[in-house]
Amino acid sequence: MPIKVSIVEDDSGIRESLEILINGSDGFSCLNTYKNAEIALKQIPVQIPDVI
């Protein structure tokens, strides 16, 4: 079972790059990315990632 990761980053280029990097790494899966903490705090409790 892969480690589930959520990303909170306001810079879209960095956010997209991190998502590609995580999804391309064995044993990791990016559940979702968020452009700010306000949105993330609403969604993260529903998705329950292992790492934020």
C-alpha atoms as a PDB file:
ATOM      1  CA  MET A   1       0.000   0.000   0.000  1.00  0.00           C
ATOM      2  CA  PRO A   2       1.564   3.341  -1.031  1.00  0.00           C
ATOM      3  CA  ILE A   3       2.114   6.236   1.358  1.00  0.00           C
ATOM      4  CA  LYS A   4      -0.673   8.760   0.669  1.00  0.00           C
ATOM      5  CA  VAL A   5       0.529  12.365   0.338  1.00  0.00           C
ATOM      6  CA  SER A   6      -1.333  15.672   0.121  1.00  0.00           C
ATOM      7  CA  ILE A   7       0.448  18.859  -0.952  1.00  0.00           C
ATOM      8  CA  VAL A   8      -0.298  22.419   0.172  1.00  0.00           C
ATOM      9  CA  GLU A   9       1.609  24.947  -1.966  1.00  0.00           C
ATOM     10  CA  ASP A  10       0.566  28.320  -3.358  1.00  0.00           C
ATOM     11  CA  ASP A  11       2.979  28.284  -6.327  1.00  0.00           C
ATOM     12  CA  SER A  12       1.284  26.250  -9.090  1.00  0.00           C
ATOM     13  CA  GLY A  13       4.556  25.276 -10.786  1.00  0.00           C
ATOM     14  CA  ILE A  14       6.047  23.897  -7.592  1.00  0.00           C
ATOM     15  CA  ARG A  15       2.758  22.218  -6.668  1.00  0.00           C
ATOM     16  CA  GLU A  16       2.527  20.439 -10.035  1.00  0.00           C
ATOM     17  CA  SER A  17       6.211  19.442  -9.962  1.00  0.00           C
ATOM     18  CA  LEU A  18       5.874  17.928  -6.492  1.00  0.00           C
ATOM     19  CA  GLU A  19       2.800  15.986  -7.581  1.00  0.00           C
ATOM     20  CA  ILE A  20       4.672  14.543 -10.585  1.00  0.00           C
ATOM     21  CA  LEU A  21       7.683  13.691  -8.420  1.00  0.00           C
ATOM     22  CA  ILE A  22       5.591  11.965  -5.743  1.00  0.00           C
ATOM     23  CA  ASN A  23       3.443  10.012  -8.205  1.00  0.00           C
ATOM     24  CA  GLY A  24       6.597   8.903 -10.039  1.00  0.00           C
ATOM     25  CA  SER A  25       8.195   7.554  -6.865  1.00  0.00           C
ATOM     26  CA  ASP A  26       7.669   3.925  -5.871  1.00  0.00           C
ATOM     27  CA  GLY A  27       5.666   3.549  -2.698  1.00  0.00           C
ATOM     28  CA  PHE A  28       4.040   7.001  -2.823  1.00  0.00           C
ATOM     29  CA  SER A  29       0.765   8.356  -4.151  1.00  0.00           C
ATOM     30  CA  CYS A  30      -0.340  12.000  -4.266  1.00  0.00           C
ATOM     31  CA  LEU A  31      -3.982  12.135  -3.174  1.00  0.00           C
ATOM     32  CA  ASN A  32      -4.513  15.802  -3.946  1.00  0.00           C
ATOM     33  CA  THR A  33      -2.881  19.203  -4.134  1.00  0.00           C
ATOM     34  CA  TYR A  34      -4.158  22.440  -2.614  1.00  0.00           C
ATOM     35  CA  LYS A  35      -3.302  26.046  -3.411  1.00  0.00           C
ATOM     36  CA  ASN A  36      -3.909  27.229   0.153  1.00  0.00           C
ATOM     37  CA  ALA A  37      -4.370  25.926   3.693  1.00  0.00           C
ATOM     38  CA  GLU A  38      -7.984  27.059   3.933  1.00  0.00           C
ATOM     39  CA  ILE A  39      -9.031  24.662   1.165  1.00  0.00           C
ATOM     40  CA  ALA A  40      -6.733  21.912   2.448  1.00  0.00           C
ATOM     41  CA  LEU A  41      -8.152  22.033   5.975  1.00  0.00           C
ATOM     42  CA  LYS A  42     -11.642  21.414   4.608  1.00  0.00           C
ATOM     43  CA  GLN A  43     -10.641  18.429   2.426  1.00  0.00           C
ATOM     44  CA  ILE A  44      -7.807  16.689   4.281  1.00  0.00           C
ATOM     45  CA  PRO A  45     -10.034  15.227   7.060  1.00  0.00           C
ATOM     46  CA  VAL A  46     -12.137  13.558   4.353  1.00  0.00           C
ATOM     47  CA  GLN A  47      -9.203  12.063   2.426  1.00  0.00           C
ATOM     48  CA  ILE A  48      -6.961  11.172   5.411  1.00  0.00           C
ATOM     49  CA  PRO A  49      -3.463  11.319   3.867  1.00  0.00           C
ATOM     50  CA  ASP A  50      -0.446   9.807   5.628  1.00  0.00           C
ATOM     51  CA  VAL A  51       1.728  12.885   4.957  1.00  0.00           C
ATOM     52  CA  ILE A  52       0.886  16.557   4.321  1.00  0.00           C
END
